[in-house]
PDB file of all heavy atoms in Angstrom:
ATOM      1  N   GLU A   1       6.443   9.551 -16.325  1.00  0.00           N
ATOM      2  CA  GLU A   1       5.182   8.914 -16.125  1.00  0.00           C
ATOM      3  C   GLU A   1       5.125   8.147 -14.786  1.00  0.00           C
ATOM      4  O   GLU A   1       4.127   8.255 -14.058  1.00  0.00           O
ATOM      5  CB  GLU A   1       4.925   7.880 -17.280  1.00  0.00           C
ATOM      6  CG  GLU A   1       3.606   7.247 -17.278  1.00  0.00           C
ATOM      7  CD  GLU A   1       2.480   8.173 -17.445  1.00  0.00           C
ATOM      8  OE1 GLU A   1       2.591   9.228 -18.043  1.00  0.00           O
ATOM      9  OE2 GLU A   1       1.345   7.888 -16.953  1.00  0.00           O
ATOM     10  N   VAL A   2       6.211   7.492 -14.498  1.00  0.00           N
ATOM     11  CA  VAL A   2       6.259   6.807 -13.192  1.00  0.00           C
ATOM     12  C   VAL A   2       6.169   7.812 -12.026  1.00  0.00           C
ATOM     13  O   VAL A   2       5.489   7.644 -11.040  1.00  0.00           O
ATOM     14  CB  VAL A   2       7.506   5.955 -13.122  1.00  0.00           C
ATOM     15  CG1 VAL A   2       7.677   5.377 -11.698  1.00  0.00           C
ATOM     16  CG2 VAL A   2       7.568   4.810 -14.085  1.00  0.00           C
ATOM     17  N   ALA A   3       6.826   8.934 -12.263  1.00  0.00           N
ATOM     18  CA  ALA A   3       6.782   9.976 -11.192  1.00  0.00           C
ATOM     19  C   ALA A   3       5.388  10.550 -10.994  1.00  0.00           C
ATOM     20  O   ALA A   3       5.002  10.801  -9.871  1.00  0.00           O
ATOM     21  CB  ALA A   3       7.791  11.123 -11.512  1.00  0.00           C
ATOM     22  N   ARG A   4       4.686  10.721 -12.167  1.00  0.00           N
ATOM     23  CA  ARG A   4       3.309  11.277 -12.065  1.00  0.00           C
ATOM     24  C   ARG A   4       2.460  10.204 -11.304  1.00  0.00           C
ATOM     25  O   ARG A   4       1.613  10.562 -10.467  1.00  0.00           O
ATOM     26  CB  ARG A   4       2.785  11.507 -13.482  1.00  0.00           C
ATOM     27  CG  ARG A   4       3.211  12.795 -14.077  1.00  0.00           C
ATOM     28  CD  ARG A   4       2.442  13.182 -15.308  1.00  0.00           C
ATOM     29  NE  ARG A   4       2.600  12.166 -16.361  1.00  0.00           N
ATOM     30  CZ  ARG A   4       3.486  12.290 -17.288  1.00  0.00           C
ATOM     31  NH1 ARG A   4       4.405  13.340 -17.293  1.00  0.00           N
ATOM     32  NH2 ARG A   4       3.679  11.426 -18.255  1.00  0.00           N
ATOM     33  N   GLN A   5       2.574   8.908 -11.679  1.00  0.00           N
ATOM     34  CA  GLN A   5       1.831   7.882 -10.988  1.00  0.00           C
ATOM     35  C   GLN A   5       2.164   7.901  -9.477  1.00  0.00           C
ATOM     36  O   GLN A   5       1.304   7.785  -8.613  1.00  0.00           O
ATOM     37  CB  GLN A   5       2.122   6.509 -11.578  1.00  0.00           C
ATOM     38  CG  GLN A   5       1.623   6.385 -13.053  1.00  0.00           C
ATOM     39  CD  GLN A   5       1.948   5.039 -13.606  1.00  0.00           C
ATOM     40  OE1 GLN A   5       2.548   4.166 -12.973  1.00  0.00           O
ATOM     41  NE2 GLN A   5       1.537   4.782 -14.860  1.00  0.00           N
ATOM     42  N   ALA A   6       3.520   8.019  -9.201  1.00  0.00           N
ATOM     43  CA  ALA A   6       3.904   8.023  -7.787  1.00  0.00           C
ATOM     44  C   ALA A   6       3.326   9.237  -7.115  1.00  0.00           C
ATOM     45  O   ALA A   6       2.921   9.128  -5.851  1.00  0.00           O
ATOM     46  CB  ALA A   6       5.481   8.086  -7.682  1.00  0.00           C
ATOM     47  N   GLN A   7       3.249  10.401  -7.736  1.00  0.00           N
ATOM     48  CA  GLN A   7       2.666  11.523  -7.172  1.00  0.00           C
ATOM     49  C   GLN A   7       1.200  11.284  -6.829  1.00  0.00           C
ATOM     50  O   GLN A   7       0.654  11.730  -5.836  1.00  0.00           O
ATOM     51  CB  GLN A   7       2.877  12.777  -8.006  1.00  0.00           C
ATOM     52  CG  GLN A   7       4.281  13.330  -8.083  1.00  0.00           C
ATOM     53  CD  GLN A   7       4.398  14.482  -9.018  1.00  0.00           C
ATOM     54  OE1 GLN A   7       3.425  14.828  -9.684  1.00  0.00           O
ATOM     55  NE2 GLN A   7       5.600  15.052  -9.066  1.00  0.00           N
ATOM     56  N   GLY A   8       0.438  10.692  -7.828  1.00  0.00           N
ATOM     57  CA  GLY A   8      -0.947  10.364  -7.546  1.00  0.00           C
ATOM     58  C   GLY A   8      -1.149   9.409  -6.373  1.00  0.00           C
ATOM     59  O   GLY A   8      -2.037   9.632  -5.525  1.00  0.00           O
ATOM     60  N   ILE A   9      -0.284   8.362  -6.361  1.00  0.00           N
ATOM     61  CA  ILE A   9      -0.382   7.438  -5.192  1.00  0.00           C
ATOM     62  C   ILE A   9      -0.089   8.180  -3.961  1.00  0.00           C
ATOM     63  O   ILE A   9      -0.739   7.918  -2.850  1.00  0.00           O
ATOM     64  CB  ILE A   9       0.533   6.237  -5.423  1.00  0.00           C
ATOM     65  CG1 ILE A   9       0.120   5.421  -6.679  1.00  0.00           C
ATOM     66  CG2 ILE A   9       0.642   5.378  -4.228  1.00  0.00           C
ATOM     67  CD1 ILE A   9       1.080   4.369  -7.070  1.00  0.00           C
ATOM     68  N   ALA A  10       0.958   8.986  -3.904  1.00  0.00           N
ATOM     69  CA  ALA A  10       1.355   9.748  -2.745  1.00  0.00           C
ATOM     70  C   ALA A  10       0.210  10.664  -2.286  1.00  0.00           C
ATOM     71  O   ALA A  10      -0.049  10.771  -1.075  1.00  0.00           O
ATOM     72  CB  ALA A  10       2.609  10.555  -2.960  1.00  0.00           C
ATOM     73  N   ALA A  11      -0.484  11.268  -3.234  1.00  0.00           N
ATOM     74  CA  ALA A  11      -1.599  12.122  -2.918  1.00  0.00           C
ATOM     75  C   ALA A  11      -2.747  11.320  -2.261  1.00  0.00           C
ATOM     76  O   ALA A  11      -3.327  11.720  -1.266  1.00  0.00           O
ATOM     77  CB  ALA A  11      -2.068  12.865  -4.148  1.00  0.00           C
ATOM     78  N   GLU A  12      -2.979  10.094  -2.885  1.00  0.00           N
ATOM     79  CA  GLU A  12      -4.012   9.262  -2.267  1.00  0.00           C
ATOM     80  C   GLU A  12      -3.629   8.863  -0.869  1.00  0.00           C
ATOM     81  O   GLU A  12      -4.480   8.766   0.051  1.00  0.00           O
ATOM     82  CB  GLU A  12      -4.238   8.029  -3.160  1.00  0.00           C
ATOM     83  CG  GLU A  12      -4.813   8.390  -4.521  1.00  0.00           C
ATOM     84  CD  GLU A  12      -5.027   7.117  -5.354  1.00  0.00           C
ATOM     85  OE1 GLU A  12      -4.642   6.068  -4.896  1.00  0.00           O
ATOM     86  OE2 GLU A  12      -5.582   7.241  -6.468  1.00  0.00           O
ATOM     87  N   VAL A  13      -2.367   8.516  -0.626  1.00  0.00           N
ATOM     88  CA  VAL A  13      -1.813   8.114   0.657  1.00  0.00           C
ATOM     89  C   VAL A  13      -2.041   9.217   1.611  1.00  0.00           C
ATOM     90  O   VAL A  13      -2.433   9.065   2.777  1.00  0.00           O
ATOM     91  CB  VAL A  13      -0.378   7.622   0.570  1.00  0.00           C
ATOM     92  CG1 VAL A  13       0.180   7.452   1.977  1.00  0.00           C
ATOM     93  CG2 VAL A  13      -0.260   6.345  -0.165  1.00  0.00           C
ATOM     94  N   ARG A  14      -1.665  10.512   1.196  1.00  0.00           N
ATOM     95  CA  ARG A  14      -1.794  11.603   2.055  1.00  0.00           C
ATOM     96  C   ARG A  14      -3.256  11.838   2.473  1.00  0.00           C
ATOM     97  O   ARG A  14      -3.620  12.139   3.594  1.00  0.00           O
ATOM     98  CB  ARG A  14      -1.210  12.879   1.429  1.00  0.00           C
ATOM     99  CG  ARG A  14       0.269  12.949   1.424  1.00  0.00           C
ATOM    100  CD  ARG A  14       0.755  14.370   1.096  1.00  0.00           C
ATOM    101  NE  ARG A  14       0.250  14.759  -0.230  1.00  0.00           N
ATOM    102  CZ  ARG A  14       0.880  14.545  -1.356  1.00  0.00           C
ATOM    103  NH1 ARG A  14       2.057  13.906  -1.404  1.00  0.00           N
ATOM    104  NH2 ARG A  14       0.387  15.042  -2.529  1.00  0.00           N
ATOM    105  N   ASP A  15      -4.182  11.709   1.450  1.00  0.00           N
ATOM    106  CA  ASP A  15      -5.597  11.825   1.762  1.00  0.00           C
ATOM    107  C   ASP A  15      -6.068  10.807   2.721  1.00  0.00           C
ATOM    108  O   ASP A  15      -6.865  11.046   3.644  1.00  0.00           O
ATOM    109  CB  ASP A  15      -6.429  11.780   0.453  1.00  0.00           C
ATOM    110  CG  ASP A  15      -6.090  12.921  -0.428  1.00  0.00           C
ATOM    111  OD1 ASP A  15      -5.630  13.967   0.039  1.00  0.00           O
ATOM    112  OD2 ASP A  15      -6.370  12.837  -1.683  1.00  0.00           O
ATOM    113  N   ALA A  16      -5.618   9.537   2.487  1.00  0.00           N
ATOM    114  CA  ALA A  16      -6.016   8.449   3.409  1.00  0.00           C
ATOM    115  C   ALA A  16      -5.507   8.696   4.845  1.00  0.00           C
ATOM    116  O   ALA A  16      -6.213   8.541   5.781  1.00  0.00           O
ATOM    117  CB  ALA A  16      -5.517   7.119   2.946  1.00  0.00           C
ATOM    118  N   LYS A  17      -4.242   9.036   4.895  1.00  0.00           N
ATOM    119  CA  LYS A  17      -3.717   9.454   6.206  1.00  0.00           C
ATOM    120  C   LYS A  17      -4.395  10.555   6.900  1.00  0.00           C
ATOM    121  O   LYS A  17      -4.730  10.506   8.086  1.00  0.00           O
ATOM    122  CB  LYS A  17      -2.256   9.715   6.096  1.00  0.00           C
ATOM    123  CG  LYS A  17      -1.275   8.548   5.821  1.00  0.00           C
ATOM    124  CD  LYS A  17       0.182   8.946   5.778  1.00  0.00           C
ATOM    125  CE  LYS A  17       1.103   7.766   5.542  1.00  0.00           C
ATOM    126  NZ  LYS A  17       2.475   8.189   5.512  1.00  0.00           N
ATOM    127  N   ALA A  18      -4.815  11.572   6.098  1.00  0.00           N
ATOM    128  CA  ALA A  18      -5.555  12.690   6.644  1.00  0.00           C
ATOM    129  C   ALA A  18      -6.916  12.290   7.197  1.00  0.00           C
ATOM    130  O   ALA A  18      -7.375  12.694   8.253  1.00  0.00           O
ATOM    131  CB  ALA A  18      -5.721  13.808   5.565  1.00  0.00           C
ATOM    132  N   ARG A  19      -7.598  11.389   6.344  1.00  0.00           N
ATOM    133  CA  ARG A  19      -8.892  10.892   6.871  1.00  0.00           C
ATOM    134  C   ARG A  19      -8.747  10.101   8.149  1.00  0.00           C
ATOM    135  O   ARG A  19      -9.548  10.175   9.056  1.00  0.00           O
ATOM    136  CB  ARG A  19      -9.577  10.064   5.705  1.00  0.00           C
ATOM    137  CG  ARG A  19     -10.052  10.930   4.553  1.00  0.00           C
ATOM    138  CD  ARG A  19     -10.999  10.081   3.639  1.00  0.00           C
ATOM    139  NE  ARG A  19     -10.241   8.989   3.002  1.00  0.00           N
ATOM    140  CZ  ARG A  19      -9.625   9.065   1.877  1.00  0.00           C
ATOM    141  NH1 ARG A  19      -9.662  10.205   1.160  1.00  0.00           N
ATOM    142  NH2 ARG A  19      -9.038   8.027   1.348  1.00  0.00           N
ATOM    143  N   LEU A  20      -7.702   9.177   8.163  1.00  0.00           N
ATOM    144  CA  LEU A  20      -7.501   8.424   9.311  1.00  0.00           C
ATOM    145  C   LEU A  20      -7.185   9.304  10.542  1.00  0.00           C
ATOM    146  O   LEU A  20      -7.754   9.101  11.655  1.00  0.00           O
ATOM    147  CB  LEU A  20      -6.329   7.396   9.135  1.00  0.00           C
ATOM    148  CG  LEU A  20      -6.638   6.277   8.145  1.00  0.00           C
ATOM    149  CD1 LEU A  20      -5.368   5.492   7.908  1.00  0.00           C
ATOM    150  CD2 LEU A  20      -7.773   5.411   8.671  1.00  0.00           C
ATOM    151  N   LEU A  21      -6.382  10.284  10.329  1.00  0.00           N
ATOM    152  CA  LEU A  21      -6.060  11.196  11.425  1.00  0.00           C
ATOM    153  C   LEU A  21      -7.278  11.976  11.829  1.00  0.00           C
ATOM    154  O   LEU A  21      -7.443  12.250  13.057  1.00  0.00           O
ATOM    155  CB  LEU A  21      -4.920  12.187  10.966  1.00  0.00           C
ATOM    156  CG  LEU A  21      -3.524  11.541  10.823  1.00  0.00           C
ATOM    157  CD1 LEU A  21      -2.576  12.552  10.188  1.00  0.00           C
ATOM    158  CD2 LEU A  21      -3.047  11.063  12.164  1.00  0.00           C
ATOM    159  N   ALA A  22      -8.141  12.390  10.862  1.00  0.00           N
ATOM    160  CA  ALA A  22      -9.388  13.157  11.211  1.00  0.00           C
ATOM    161  C   ALA A  22     -10.235  12.190  12.058  1.00  0.00           C
ATOM    162  O   ALA A  22     -10.858  12.636  13.085  1.00  0.00           O
ATOM    163  CB  ALA A  22     -10.063  13.553   9.940  1.00  0.00           C
ATOM    164  N   ASP A  23     -10.360  10.861  11.729  1.00  0.00           N
ATOM    165  CA  ASP A  23     -11.162  10.006  12.462  1.00  0.00           C
ATOM    166  C   ASP A  23     -10.574   9.848  13.913  1.00  0.00           C
ATOM    167  O   ASP A  23     -11.275   9.834  14.880  1.00  0.00           O
ATOM    168  CB  ASP A  23     -11.218   8.578  11.798  1.00  0.00           C
ATOM    169  CG  ASP A  23     -11.945   8.655  10.473  1.00  0.00           C
ATOM    170  OD1 ASP A  23     -12.849   9.595  10.327  1.00  0.00           O
ATOM    171  OD2 ASP A  23     -11.724   7.717   9.636  1.00  0.00           O
ATOM    172  N   ASP A  24      -9.218   9.740  13.962  1.00  0.00           N
ATOM    173  CA  ASP A  24      -8.633   9.593  15.252  1.00  0.00           C
ATOM    174  C   ASP A  24      -8.926  10.845  16.107  1.00  0.00           C
ATOM    175  O   ASP A  24      -9.140  10.709  17.356  1.00  0.00           O
ATOM    176  CB  ASP A  24      -7.107   9.369  15.098  1.00  0.00           C
ATOM    177  CG  ASP A  24      -6.799   8.021  14.540  1.00  0.00           C
ATOM    178  OD1 ASP A  24      -7.689   7.080  14.585  1.00  0.00           O
ATOM    179  OD2 ASP A  24      -5.684   7.843  13.973  1.00  0.00           O
ATOM    180  N   VAL A  25      -8.830  12.005  15.483  1.00  0.00           N
ATOM    181  CA  VAL A  25      -9.066  13.254  16.200  1.00  0.00           C
ATOM    182  C   VAL A  25     -10.491  13.310  16.698  1.00  0.00           C
ATOM    183  O   VAL A  25     -10.774  13.670  17.852  1.00  0.00           O
ATOM    184  CB  VAL A  25      -8.717  14.466  15.330  1.00  0.00           C
ATOM    185  CG1 VAL A  25      -9.241  15.731  15.930  1.00  0.00           C
ATOM    186  CG2 VAL A  25      -7.247  14.581  15.041  1.00  0.00           C
ATOM    187  N   PHE A  26     -11.413  12.899  15.858  1.00  0.00           N
ATOM    188  CA  PHE A  26     -12.833  12.890  16.282  1.00  0.00           C
ATOM    189  C   PHE A  26     -13.025  11.963  17.454  1.00  0.00           C
ATOM    190  O   PHE A  26     -13.744  12.270  18.394  1.00  0.00           O
ATOM    191  CB  PHE A  26     -13.686  12.434  15.026  1.00  0.00           C
ATOM    192  CG  PHE A  26     -15.194  12.431  15.379  1.00  0.00           C
ATOM    193  CD1 PHE A  26     -15.875  13.603  15.481  1.00  0.00           C
ATOM    194  CD2 PHE A  26     -15.821  11.218  15.561  1.00  0.00           C
ATOM    195  CE1 PHE A  26     -17.293  13.549  15.783  1.00  0.00           C
ATOM    196  CE2 PHE A  26     -17.145  11.183  15.824  1.00  0.00           C
ATOM    197  CZ  PHE A  26     -17.886  12.335  15.996  1.00  0.00           C
ATOM    198  N   ARG A  27     -12.432  10.751  17.325  1.00  0.00           N
ATOM    199  CA  ARG A  27     -12.608   9.754  18.444  1.00  0.00           C
ATOM    200  C   ARG A  27     -11.910  10.313  19.736  1.00  0.00           C
ATOM    201  O   ARG A  27     -12.519  10.159  20.756  1.00  0.00           O
ATOM    202  CB  ARG A  27     -11.940   8.449  17.981  1.00  0.00           C
ATOM    203  CG  ARG A  27     -11.969   7.332  19.094  1.00  0.00           C
ATOM    204  CD  ARG A  27     -11.321   6.036  18.573  1.00  0.00           C
ATOM    205  NE  ARG A  27      -9.983   6.263  18.150  1.00  0.00           N
ATOM    206  CZ  ARG A  27      -8.926   6.342  18.937  1.00  0.00           C
ATOM    207  NH1 ARG A  27      -9.084   6.247  20.263  1.00  0.00           N
ATOM    208  NH2 ARG A  27      -7.706   6.531  18.454  1.00  0.00           N
ATOM    209  N   LEU A  28     -10.739  10.851  19.564  1.00  0.00           N
ATOM    210  CA  LEU A  28     -10.109  11.413  20.783  1.00  0.00           C
ATOM    211  C   LEU A  28     -10.876  12.575  21.421  1.00  0.00           C
ATOM    212  O   LEU A  28     -10.942  12.685  22.564  1.00  0.00           O
ATOM    213  CB  LEU A  28      -8.698  11.852  20.381  1.00  0.00           C
ATOM    214  CG  LEU A  28      -7.709  10.724  20.100  1.00  0.00           C
ATOM    215  CD1 LEU A  28      -6.399  11.350  19.562  1.00  0.00           C
ATOM    216  CD2 LEU A  28      -7.427   9.873  21.315  1.00  0.00           C
ATOM    217  N   ARG A  29     -11.514  13.331  20.540  1.00  0.00           N
ATOM    218  CA  ARG A  29     -12.313  14.418  21.111  1.00  0.00           C
ATOM    219  C   ARG A  29     -13.466  13.900  21.837  1.00  0.00           C
ATOM    220  O   ARG A  29     -13.877  14.433  22.909  1.00  0.00           O
ATOM    221  CB  ARG A  29     -12.775  15.350  19.973  1.00  0.00           C
ATOM    222  CG  ARG A  29     -11.684  16.283  19.466  1.00  0.00           C
ATOM    223  CD  ARG A  29     -12.142  17.167  18.372  1.00  0.00           C
ATOM    224  NE  ARG A  29     -11.087  18.114  17.864  1.00  0.00           N
ATOM    225  CZ  ARG A  29     -11.201  18.906  16.876  1.00  0.00           C
ATOM    226  NH1 ARG A  29     -12.269  18.876  16.097  1.00  0.00           N
ATOM    227  NH2 ARG A  29     -10.209  19.751  16.532  1.00  0.00           N
ATOM    228  N   ASN A  30     -14.133  12.843  21.294  1.00  0.00           N
ATOM    229  CA  ASN A  30     -15.277  12.214  21.983  1.00  0.00           C
ATOM    230  C   ASN A  30     -14.794  11.659  23.395  1.00  0.00           C
ATOM    231  O   ASN A  30     -15.472  11.823  24.358  1.00  0.00           O
ATOM    232  CB  ASN A  30     -15.868  11.076  21.175  1.00  0.00           C
ATOM    233  CG  ASN A  30     -16.605  11.656  19.905  1.00  0.00           C
ATOM    234  OD1 ASN A  30     -17.042  12.764  19.974  1.00  0.00           O
ATOM    235  ND2 ASN A  30     -16.671  10.847  18.894  1.00  0.00           N
ATOM    236  N   GLU A  31     -13.627  10.967  23.343  1.00  0.00           N
ATOM    237  CA  GLU A  31     -13.111  10.433  24.605  1.00  0.00           C
ATOM    238  C   GLU A  31     -12.764  11.545  25.559  1.00  0.00           C
ATOM    239  O   GLU A  31     -13.041  11.404  26.750  1.00  0.00           O
ATOM    240  CB  GLU A  31     -11.842   9.602  24.345  1.00  0.00           C
ATOM    241  CG  GLU A  31     -12.072   8.318  23.561  1.00  0.00           C
ATOM    242  CD  GLU A  31     -10.808   7.550  23.320  1.00  0.00           C
ATOM    243  OE1 GLU A  31      -9.785   8.085  23.699  1.00  0.00           O
ATOM    244  OE2 GLU A  31     -10.869   6.481  22.672  1.00  0.00           O
ATOM    245  N   LEU A  32     -12.273  12.634  25.025  1.00  0.00           N
ATOM    246  CA  LEU A  32     -12.032  13.767  25.931  1.00  0.00           C
ATOM    247  C   LEU A  32     -13.267  14.401  26.514  1.00  0.00           C
ATOM    248  O   LEU A  32     -13.289  14.702  27.661  1.00  0.00           O
ATOM    249  CB  LEU A  32     -11.286  14.836  25.120  1.00  0.00           C
ATOM    250  CG  LEU A  32     -10.742  16.076  25.868  1.00  0.00           C
ATOM    251  CD1 LEU A  32      -9.778  15.634  26.976  1.00  0.00           C
ATOM    252  CD2 LEU A  32     -10.107  17.066  24.987  1.00  0.00           C
TER     253      LEU A  32
END
């Protein structure tokens, strides 16, 4: 159960990191 919760949290963290990276990529493209 703890592992499932950890997997869910890890998935949310990956999604958040992906969104942040997407924002950074968009900003960098605009700067470029």
